[in-house]
Amino acid sequence: MGALWIANVHVTDEAAYKKYAALATEAIAAHGGVFLARGGRYVQLEGRDRARNVVARFPSLEAAQACYNSPTYQEALSHARGAAERDLVIVEEA
């Protein structure tokens, strides 16, 4: 069963966040992730308004979690910390 990785982000340091994005893209692809949305138009209906919204589909919840825990993604996170306010959730598809 597939899973969706959903991130809502407010970037506070563009330069550092670009380093995160490059490494994160590599890690996501290496774990079978495919981006469905990266930024783009959106309508905020409830909750925090964060201009960067990212959705990636993974083959399974376990693959998405393995991506998050991978050395490459953890290195990417070292650039995101302090460069963005983020929420991230992995949701198994129905």
PDB file of N, CA and C in Angstrom:
ATOM      1  N   MET A   1       0.848  -1.180   0.000  1.00  0.00           N
ATOM      2  CA  MET A   1       0.000   0.000   0.000  1.00  0.00           C
ATOM      3  C   MET A   1       0.888   1.235   0.000  1.00  0.00           C
ATOM      4  N   GLY A   2       0.612   2.201  -0.867  1.00  0.00           N
ATOM      5  CA  GLY A   2       1.400   3.419  -0.967  1.00  0.00           C
ATOM      6  C   GLY A   2       1.204   4.338   0.216  1.00  0.00           C
ATOM      7  N   ALA A   3       2.070   5.347   0.279  1.00  0.00           N
ATOM      8  CA  ALA A   3       1.987   6.330   1.357  1.00  0.00           C
ATOM      9  C   ALA A   3       2.336   7.701   0.810  1.00  0.00           C
ATOM     10  N   LEU A   4       1.747   8.718   1.421  1.00  0.00           N
ATOM     11  CA  LEU A   4       2.010  10.099   1.044  1.00  0.00           C
ATOM     12  C   LEU A   4       2.809  10.789   2.136  1.00  0.00           C
ATOM     13  N   TRP A   5       3.842  11.486   1.713  1.00  0.00           N
ATOM     14  CA  TRP A   5       4.688  12.301   2.581  1.00  0.00           C
ATOM     15  C   TRP A   5       4.203  13.723   2.344  1.00  0.00           C
ATOM     16  N   ILE A   6       3.687  14.372   3.377  1.00  0.00           N
ATOM     17  CA  ILE A   6       3.088  15.688   3.234  1.00  0.00           C
ATOM     18  C   ILE A   6       3.825  16.662   4.143  1.00  0.00           C
ATOM     19  N   ALA A   7       4.404  17.694   3.530  1.00  0.00           N
ATOM     20  CA  ALA A   7       5.148  18.700   4.287  1.00  0.00           C
ATOM     21  C   ALA A   7       4.546  20.075   4.036  1.00  0.00           C
ATOM     22  N   ASN A   8       4.417  20.837   5.110  1.00  0.00           N
ATOM     23  CA  ASN A   8       3.983  22.231   5.041  1.00  0.00           C
ATOM     24  C   ASN A   8       5.121  23.052   5.632  1.00  0.00           C
ATOM     25  N   VAL A   9       5.639  24.000   4.836  1.00  0.00           N
ATOM     26  CA  VAL A   9       6.897  24.650   5.188  1.00  0.00           C
ATOM     27  C   VAL A   9       6.812  26.168   5.028  1.00  0.00           C
ATOM     28  N   HIS A  10       7.402  26.862   5.988  1.00  0.00           N
ATOM     29  CA  HIS A  10       7.653  28.299   5.882  1.00  0.00           C
ATOM     30  C   HIS A  10       9.168  28.463   5.914  1.00  0.00           C
ATOM     31  N   VAL A  11       9.750  28.854   4.791  1.00  0.00           N
ATOM     32  CA  VAL A  11      11.197  28.982   4.666  1.00  0.00           C
ATOM     33  C   VAL A  11      11.638  30.330   5.230  1.00  0.00           C
ATOM     34  N   THR A  12      12.654  30.301   6.098  1.00  0.00           N
ATOM     35  CA  THR A  12      13.190  31.527   6.690  1.00  0.00           C
ATOM     36  C   THR A  12      14.606  31.840   6.198  1.00  0.00           C
ATOM     37  N   ASP A  13      15.274  30.864   5.590  1.00  0.00           N
ATOM     38  CA  ASP A  13      16.629  31.052   5.044  1.00  0.00           C
ATOM     39  C   ASP A  13      16.701  30.312   3.714  1.00  0.00           C
ATOM     40  N   GLU A  14      16.483  31.043   2.624  1.00  0.00           N
ATOM     41  CA  GLU A  14      16.412  30.432   1.282  1.00  0.00           C
ATOM     42  C   GLU A  14      17.689  29.684   0.907  1.00  0.00           C
ATOM     43  N   ALA A  15      18.844  30.246   1.181  1.00  0.00           N
ATOM     44  CA  ALA A  15      20.113  29.630   0.774  1.00  0.00           C
ATOM     45  C   ALA A  15      20.305  28.274   1.456  1.00  0.00           C
ATOM     46  N   ALA A  16      20.095  28.226   2.751  1.00  0.00           N
ATOM     47  CA  ALA A  16      20.244  26.967   3.477  1.00  0.00           C
ATOM     48  C   ALA A  16      19.183  25.964   3.039  1.00  0.00           C
ATOM     49  N   TYR A  17      17.969  26.452   2.790  1.00  0.00           N
ATOM     50  CA  TYR A  17      16.899  25.537   2.424  1.00  0.00           C
ATOM     51  C   TYR A  17      17.118  24.932   1.039  1.00  0.00           C
ATOM     52  N   LYS A  18      17.792  25.645   0.153  1.00  0.00           N
ATOM     53  CA  LYS A  18      18.125  25.082  -1.156  1.00  0.00           C
ATOM     54  C   LYS A  18      19.061  23.889  -1.008  1.00  0.00           C
ATOM     55  N   LYS A  19      19.980  23.961  -0.052  1.00  0.00           N
ATOM     56  CA  LYS A  19      20.878  22.823   0.212  1.00  0.00           C
ATOM     57  C   LYS A  19      20.056  21.633   0.714  1.00  0.00           C
ATOM     58  N   TYR A  20      19.098  21.909   1.619  1.00  0.00           N
ATOM     59  CA  TYR A  20      18.204  20.851   2.093  1.00  0.00           C
ATOM     60  C   TYR A  20      17.462  20.221   0.920  1.00  0.00           C
ATOM     61  N   ALA A  21      16.867  21.051   0.074  1.00  0.00           N
ATOM     62  CA  ALA A  21      16.024  20.552  -1.017  1.00  0.00           C
ATOM     63  C   ALA A  21      16.803  19.661  -1.977  1.00  0.00           C
ATOM     64  N   ALA A  22      18.032  20.018  -2.279  1.00  0.00           N
ATOM     65  CA  ALA A  22      18.835  19.203  -3.197  1.00  0.00           C
ATOM     66  C   ALA A  22      19.091  17.815  -2.621  1.00  0.00           C
ATOM     67  N   LEU A  23      19.496  17.750  -1.358  1.00  0.00           N
ATOM     68  CA  LEU A  23      19.765  16.452  -0.730  1.00  0.00           C
ATOM     69  C   LEU A  23      18.477  15.674  -0.487  1.00  0.00           C
ATOM     70  N   ALA A  24      17.418  16.360  -0.082  1.00  0.00           N
ATOM     71  CA  ALA A  24      16.142  15.690   0.176  1.00  0.00           C
ATOM     72  C   ALA A  24      15.595  15.067  -1.097  1.00  0.00           C
ATOM     73  N   THR A  25      15.712  15.771  -2.214  1.00  0.00           N
ATOM     74  CA  THR A  25      15.250  15.247  -3.498  1.00  0.00           C
ATOM     75  C   THR A  25      15.972  13.948  -3.829  1.00  0.00           C
ATOM     76  N   GLU A  26      17.270  13.928  -3.597  1.00  0.00           N
ATOM     77  CA  GLU A  26      18.075  12.722  -3.832  1.00  0.00           C
ATOM     78  C   GLU A  26      17.610  11.569  -2.943  1.00  0.00           C
ATOM     79  N   ALA A  27      17.406  11.834  -1.669  1.00  0.00           N
ATOM     80  CA  ALA A  27      16.984  10.795  -0.728  1.00  0.00           C
ATOM     81  C   ALA A  27      15.595  10.262  -1.077  1.00  0.00           C
ATOM     82  N   ILE A  28      14.690  11.139  -1.412  1.00  0.00           N
ATOM     83  CA  ILE A  28      13.321  10.737  -1.742  1.00  0.00           C
ATOM     84  C   ILE A  28      13.318   9.841  -2.975  1.00  0.00           C
ATOM     85  N   ALA A  29      14.040  10.230  -4.010  1.00  0.00           N
ATOM     86  CA  ALA A  29      14.115   9.406  -5.225  1.00  0.00           C
ATOM     87  C   ALA A  29      14.741   8.050  -4.942  1.00  0.00           C
ATOM     88  N   ALA A  30      15.759   8.013  -4.103  1.00  0.00           N
ATOM     89  CA  ALA A  30      16.447   6.758  -3.780  1.00  0.00           C
ATOM     90  C   ALA A  30      15.543   5.772  -3.044  1.00  0.00           C
ATOM     91  N   HIS A  31      14.483   6.274  -2.416  1.00  0.00           N
ATOM     92  CA  HIS A  31      13.549   5.413  -1.686  1.00  0.00           C
ATOM     93  C   HIS A  31      12.232   5.218  -2.432  1.00  0.00           C
ATOM     94  N   GLY A  32      12.246   5.505  -3.724  1.00  0.00           N
ATOM     95  CA  GLY A  32      11.060   5.262  -4.540  1.00  0.00           C
ATOM     96  C   GLY A  32      10.028   6.359  -4.490  1.00  0.00           C
ATOM     97  N   GLY A  33      10.372   7.503  -3.908  1.00  0.00           N
ATOM     98  CA  GLY A  33       9.429   8.608  -3.809  1.00  0.00           C
ATOM     99  C   GLY A  33       9.315   9.380  -5.104  1.00  0.00           C
ATOM    100  N   VAL A  34       8.097   9.833  -5.395  1.00  0.00           N
ATOM    101  CA  VAL A  34       7.802  10.629  -6.581  1.00  0.00           C
ATOM    102  C   VAL A  34       7.018  11.861  -6.123  1.00  0.00           C
ATOM    103  N   PHE A  35       7.460  13.037  -6.525  1.00  0.00           N
ATOM    104  CA  PHE A  35       6.766  14.258  -6.124  1.00  0.00           C
ATOM    105  C   PHE A  35       5.454  14.411  -6.887  1.00  0.00           C
ATOM    106  N   LEU A  36       4.392  14.701  -6.146  1.00  0.00           N
ATOM    107  CA  LEU A  36       3.090  15.012  -6.721  1.00  0.00           C
ATOM    108  C   LEU A  36       2.838  16.517  -6.700  1.00  0.00           C
ATOM    109  N   ALA A  37       3.405  17.200  -5.706  1.00  0.00           N
ATOM    110  CA  ALA A  37       3.276  18.652  -5.590  1.00  0.00           C
ATOM    111  C   ALA A  37       4.509  19.194  -4.886  1.00  0.00           C
ATOM    112  N   ARG A  38       5.017  20.311  -5.400  1.00  0.00           N
ATOM    113  CA  ARG A  38       6.160  21.004  -4.791  1.00  0.00           C
ATOM    114  C   ARG A  38       5.930  22.495  -4.960  1.00  0.00           C
ATOM    115  N   GLY A  39       5.435  23.111  -3.922  1.00  0.00           N
ATOM    116  CA  GLY A  39       5.101  24.523  -4.053  1.00  0.00           C
ATOM    117  C   GLY A  39       3.836  24.650  -4.879  1.00  0.00           C
ATOM    118  N   GLY A  40       3.764  25.647  -5.692  1.00  0.00           N
ATOM    119  CA  GLY A  40       2.609  25.814  -6.555  1.00  0.00           C
ATOM    120  C   GLY A  40       1.443  26.502  -5.857  1.00  0.00           C
ATOM    121  N   ARG A  41       0.395  26.679  -6.599  1.00  0.00           N
ATOM    122  CA  ARG A  41      -0.795  27.339  -6.079  1.00  0.00           C
ATOM    123  C   ARG A  41      -1.467  26.479  -5.026  1.00  0.00           C
ATOM    124  N   TYR A  42      -2.057  27.149  -4.048  1.00  0.00           N
ATOM    125  CA  TYR A  42      -2.772  26.435  -2.987  1.00  0.00           C
ATOM    126  C   TYR A  42      -3.815  27.366  -2.382  1.00  0.00           C
ATOM    127  N   VAL A  43      -4.746  26.786  -1.659  1.00  0.00           N
ATOM    128  CA  VAL A  43      -5.743  27.543  -0.908  1.00  0.00           C
ATOM    129  C   VAL A  43      -5.693  27.038   0.522  1.00  0.00           C
ATOM    130  N   GLN A  44      -5.386  27.927   1.459  1.00  0.00           N
ATOM    131  CA  GLN A  44      -5.326  27.559   2.879  1.00  0.00           C
ATOM    132  C   GLN A  44      -6.726  27.635   3.459  1.00  0.00           C
ATOM    133  N   LEU A  45      -7.256  26.518   3.921  1.00  0.00           N
ATOM    134  CA  LEU A  45      -8.612  26.500   4.462  1.00  0.00           C
ATOM    135  C   LEU A  45      -8.627  26.480   5.988  1.00  0.00           C
ATOM    136  N   GLU A  46      -7.668  25.814   6.599  1.00  0.00           N
ATOM    137  CA  GLU A  46      -7.586  25.734   8.057  1.00  0.00           C
ATOM    138  C   GLU A  46      -6.121  25.635   8.465  1.00  0.00           C
ATOM    139  N   GLY A  47      -5.851  25.932   9.719  1.00  0.00           N
ATOM    140  CA  GLY A  47      -4.509  25.751  10.257  1.00  0.00           C
ATOM    141  C   GLY A  47      -3.522  26.818   9.807  1.00  0.00           C
ATOM    142  N   ARG A  48      -2.233  26.503  10.017  1.00  0.00           N
ATOM    143  CA  ARG A  48      -1.155  27.445   9.697  1.00  0.00           C
ATOM    144  C   ARG A  48      -0.999  27.608   8.196  1.00  0.00           C
ATOM    145  N   ASP A  49      -0.850  28.843   7.782  1.00  0.00           N
ATOM    146  CA  ASP A  49      -0.612  29.141   6.372  1.00  0.00           C
ATOM    147  C   ASP A  49       0.888  29.105   6.123  1.00  0.00           C
ATOM    148  N   ARG A  50       1.329  28.100   5.385  1.00  0.00           N
ATOM    149  CA  ARG A  50       2.735  27.966   5.022  1.00  0.00           C
ATOM    150  C   ARG A  50       2.804  27.847   3.509  1.00  0.00           C
ATOM    151  N   ALA A  51       3.574  28.722   2.899  1.00  0.00           N
ATOM    152  CA  ALA A  51       3.542  28.882   1.446  1.00  0.00           C
ATOM    153  C   ALA A  51       4.124  27.712   0.661  1.00  0.00           C
ATOM    154  N   ARG A  52       4.946  26.889   1.277  1.00  0.00           N
ATOM    155  CA  ARG A  52       5.543  25.765   0.545  1.00  0.00           C
ATOM    156  C   ARG A  52       4.886  24.476   1.026  1.00  0.00           C
ATOM    157  N   ASN A  53       4.190  23.823   0.117  1.00  0.00           N
ATOM    158  CA  ASN A  53       3.503  22.571   0.420  1.00  0.00           C
ATOM    159  C   ASN A  53       4.036  21.504  -0.527  1.00  0.00           C
ATOM    160  N   VAL A  54       4.467  20.386   0.036  1.00  0.00           N
ATOM    161  CA  VAL A  54       5.097  19.327  -0.742  1.00  0.00           C
ATOM    162  C   VAL A  54       4.390  18.008  -0.461  1.00  0.00           C
ATOM    163  N   VAL A  55       4.062  17.289  -1.530  1.00  0.00           N
ATOM    164  CA  VAL A  55       3.469  15.958  -1.406  1.00  0.00           C
ATOM    165  C   VAL A  55       4.277  15.014  -2.287  1.00  0.00           C
ATOM    166  N   ALA A  56       4.742  13.913  -1.679  1.00  0.00           N
ATOM    167  CA  ALA A  56       5.458  12.880  -2.430  1.00  0.00           C
ATOM    168  C   ALA A  56       4.788  11.541  -2.150  1.00  0.00           C
ATOM    169  N   ARG A  57       4.718  10.705  -3.162  1.00  0.00           N
ATOM    170  CA  ARG A  57       4.150   9.360  -3.002  1.00  0.00           C
ATOM    171  C   ARG A  57       5.304   8.356  -2.923  1.00  0.00           C
ATOM    172  N   PHE A  58       5.213   7.472  -1.953  1.00  0.00           N
ATOM    173  CA  PHE A  58       6.185   6.393  -1.767  1.00  0.00           C
ATOM    174  C   PHE A  58       5.484   5.049  -1.957  1.00  0.00           C
ATOM    175  N   PRO A  59       6.248   4.001  -2.262  1.00  0.00           N
ATOM    176  CA  PRO A  59       5.645   2.679  -2.442  1.00  0.00           C
ATOM    177  C   PRO A  59       4.969   2.149  -1.178  1.00  0.00           C
ATOM    178  N   SER A  60       5.446   2.603  -0.004  1.00  0.00           N
ATOM    179  CA  SER A  60       4.871   2.127   1.259  1.00  0.00           C
ATOM    180  C   SER A  60       5.201   3.125   2.368  1.00  0.00           C
ATOM    181  N   LEU A  61       4.490   3.011   3.468  1.00  0.00           N
ATOM    182  CA  LEU A  61       4.770   3.827   4.635  1.00  0.00           C
ATOM    183  C   LEU A  61       6.188   3.537   5.122  1.00  0.00           C
ATOM    184  N   GLU A  62       6.581   2.280   5.068  1.00  0.00           N
ATOM    185  CA  GLU A  62       7.915   1.883   5.522  1.00  0.00           C
ATOM    186  C   GLU A  62       9.011   2.514   4.658  1.00  0.00           C
ATOM    187  N   ALA A  63       8.781   2.595   3.350  1.00  0.00           N
ATOM    188  CA  ALA A  63       9.761   3.225   2.450  1.00  0.00           C
ATOM    189  C   ALA A  63       9.903   4.707   2.769  1.00  0.00           C
ATOM    190  N   ALA A  64       8.790   5.369   3.033  1.00  0.00           N
ATOM    191  CA  ALA A  64       8.833   6.793   3.372  1.00  0.00           C
ATOM    192  C   ALA A  64       9.556   7.012   4.694  1.00  0.00           C
ATOM    193  N   GLN A  65       9.295   6.160   5.659  1.00  0.00           N
ATOM    194  CA  GLN A  65       9.953   6.279   6.958  1.00  0.00           C
ATOM    195  C   GLN A  65      11.448   5.965   6.841  1.00  0.00           C
ATOM    196  N   ALA A  66      11.795   4.978   6.019  1.00  0.00           N
ATOM    197  CA  ALA A  66      13.203   4.651   5.788  1.00  0.00           C
ATOM    198  C   ALA A  66      13.917   5.829   5.130  1.00  0.00           C
ATOM    199  N   CYS A  67      13.234   6.515   4.238  1.00  0.00           N
ATOM    200  CA  CYS A  67      13.797   7.710   3.615  1.00  0.00           C
ATOM    201  C   CYS A  67      14.120   8.745   4.681  1.00  0.00           C
ATOM    202  N   TYR A  68      13.151   9.028   5.537  1.00  0.00           N
ATOM    203  CA  TYR A  68      13.345  10.026   6.591  1.00  0.00           C
ATOM    204  C   TYR A  68      14.543   9.681   7.472  1.00  0.00           C
ATOM    205  N   ASN A  69      14.695   8.420   7.787  1.00  0.00           N
ATOM    206  CA  ASN A  69      15.766   7.977   8.681  1.00  0.00           C
ATOM    207  C   ASN A  69      17.099   7.741   7.985  1.00  0.00           C
ATOM    208  N   SER A  70      17.129   7.864   6.657  1.00  0.00           N
ATOM    209  CA  SER A  70      18.351   7.585   5.900  1.00  0.00           C
ATOM    210  C   SER A  70      19.429   8.634   6.171  1.00  0.00           C
ATOM    211  N   PRO A  71      20.695   8.239   6.042  1.00  0.00           N
ATOM    212  CA  PRO A  71      21.785   9.205   6.236  1.00  0.00           C
ATOM    213  C   PRO A  71      21.685  10.426   5.309  1.00  0.00           C
ATOM    214  N   THR A  72      21.273  10.219   4.074  1.00  0.00           N
ATOM    215  CA  THR A  72      21.174  11.341   3.133  1.00  0.00           C
ATOM    216  C   THR A  72      20.109  12.331   3.572  1.00  0.00           C
ATOM    217  N   TYR A  73      18.940  11.820   3.987  1.00  0.00           N
ATOM    218  CA  TYR A  73      17.881  12.742   4.414  1.00  0.00           C
ATOM    219  C   TYR A  73      18.247  13.421   5.723  1.00  0.00           C
ATOM    220  N   GLN A  74      18.884  12.700   6.627  1.00  0.00           N
ATOM    221  CA  GLN A  74      19.296  13.319   7.876  1.00  0.00           C
ATOM    222  C   GLN A  74      20.324  14.422   7.635  1.00  0.00           C
ATOM    223  N   GLU A  75      21.201  14.221   6.655  1.00  0.00           N
ATOM    224  CA  GLU A  75      22.130  15.285   6.273  1.00  0.00           C
ATOM    225  C   GLU A  75      21.360  16.478   5.717  1.00  0.00           C
ATOM    226  N   ALA A  76      20.353  16.194   4.887  1.00  0.00           N
ATOM    227  CA  ALA A  76      19.509  17.270   4.349  1.00  0.00           C
ATOM    228  C   ALA A  76      18.867  18.058   5.486  1.00  0.00           C
ATOM    229  N   LEU A  77      18.350  17.355   6.476  1.00  0.00           N
ATOM    230  CA  LEU A  77      17.694  18.019   7.605  1.00  0.00           C
ATOM    231  C   LEU A  77      18.625  18.963   8.350  1.00  0.00           C
ATOM    232  N   SER A  78      19.918  18.649   8.352  1.00  0.00           N
ATOM    233  CA  SER A  78      20.863  19.539   9.041  1.00  0.00           C
ATOM    234  C   SER A  78      20.856  20.934   8.409  1.00  0.00           C
ATOM    235  N   HIS A  79      20.497  21.044   7.136  1.00  0.00           N
ATOM    236  CA  HIS A  79      20.399  22.338   6.470  1.00  0.00           C
ATOM    237  C   HIS A  79      19.032  22.988   6.697  1.00  0.00           C
ATOM    238  N   ALA A  80      18.005  22.185   6.912  1.00  0.00           N
ATOM    239  CA  ALA A  80      16.647  22.717   7.107  1.00  0.00           C
ATOM    240  C   ALA A  80      16.445  23.262   8.515  1.00  0.00           C
ATOM    241  N   ARG A  81      17.110  22.650   9.483  1.00  0.00           N
ATOM    242  CA  ARG A  81      16.948  23.117  10.871  1.00  0.00           C
ATOM    243  C   ARG A  81      17.454  24.550  10.976  1.00  0.00           C
ATOM    244  N   GLY A  82      16.622  25.427  11.486  1.00  0.00           N
ATOM    245  CA  GLY A  82      16.973  26.831  11.586  1.00  0.00           C
ATOM    246  C   GLY A  82      16.725  27.609  10.301  1.00  0.00           C
ATOM    247  N   ALA A  83      16.380  26.917   9.217  1.00  0.00           N
ATOM    248  CA  ALA A  83      16.132  27.567   7.939  1.00  0.00           C
ATOM    249  C   ALA A  83      14.664  27.534   7.552  1.00  0.00           C
ATOM    250  N   ALA A  84      13.850  26.838   8.374  1.00  0.00           N
ATOM    251  CA  ALA A  84      12.435  26.711   8.041  1.00  0.00           C
ATOM    252  C   ALA A  84      11.638  26.252   9.258  1.00  0.00           C
ATOM    253  N   GLU A  85      10.355  26.594   9.234  1.00  0.00           N
ATOM    254  CA  GLU A  85       9.383  26.029  10.178  1.00  0.00           C
ATOM    255  C   GLU A  85       8.621  25.001   9.372  1.00  0.00           C
ATOM    256  N   ARG A  86       8.564  23.753   9.879  1.00  0.00           N
ATOM    257  CA  ARG A  86       8.030  22.662   9.063  1.00  0.00           C
ATOM    258  C   ARG A  86       7.110  21.754   9.875  1.00  0.00           C
ATOM    259  N   ASP A  87       6.144  21.206   9.178  1.00  0.00           N
ATOM    260  CA  ASP A  87       5.351  20.072   9.677  1.00  0.00           C
ATOM    261  C   ASP A  87       5.494  19.001   8.620  1.00  0.00           C
ATOM    262  N   LEU A  88       5.668  17.764   9.050  1.00  0.00           N
ATOM    263  CA  LEU A  88       5.811  16.654   8.121  1.00  0.00           C
ATOM    264  C   LEU A  88       5.053  15.462   8.668  1.00  0.00           C
ATOM    265  N   VAL A  89       4.246  14.846   7.807  1.00  0.00           N
ATOM    266  CA  VAL A  89       3.500  13.653   8.195  1.00  0.00           C
ATOM    267  C   VAL A  89       3.549  12.657   7.031  1.00  0.00           C
ATOM    268  N   ILE A  90       3.551  11.387   7.379  1.00  0.00           N
ATOM    269  CA  ILE A  90       3.443  10.311   6.383  1.00  0.00           C
ATOM    270  C   ILE A  90       2.081   9.655   6.611  1.00  0.00           C
ATOM    271  N   VAL A  91       1.301   9.551   5.536  1.00  0.00           N
ATOM    272  CA  VAL A  91      -0.051   8.988   5.630  1.00  0.00           C
ATOM    273  C   VAL A  91      -0.173   7.831   4.645  1.00  0.00           C
ATOM    274  N   GLU A  92      -0.585   6.678   5.143  1.00  0.00           N
ATOM    275  CA  GLU A  92      -0.811   5.530   4.263  1.00  0.00           C
ATOM    276  C   GLU A  92      -2.044   5.781   3.414  1.00  0.00           C
ATOM    277  N   GLU A  93      -1.942   5.444   2.121  1.00  0.00           N
ATOM    278  CA  GLU A  93      -3.086   5.632   1.228  1.00  0.00           C
ATOM    279  C   GLU A  93      -4.155   4.582   1.507  1.00  0.00           C
ATOM    280  N   ALA A  94      -5.384   4.953   1.231  1.00  0.00           N
ATOM    281  CA  ALA A  94      -6.516   4.056   1.474  1.00  0.00           C
ATOM    282  C   ALA A  94      -6.620   3.023   0.367  1.00  0.00           C
TER     283      ALA A  94
END
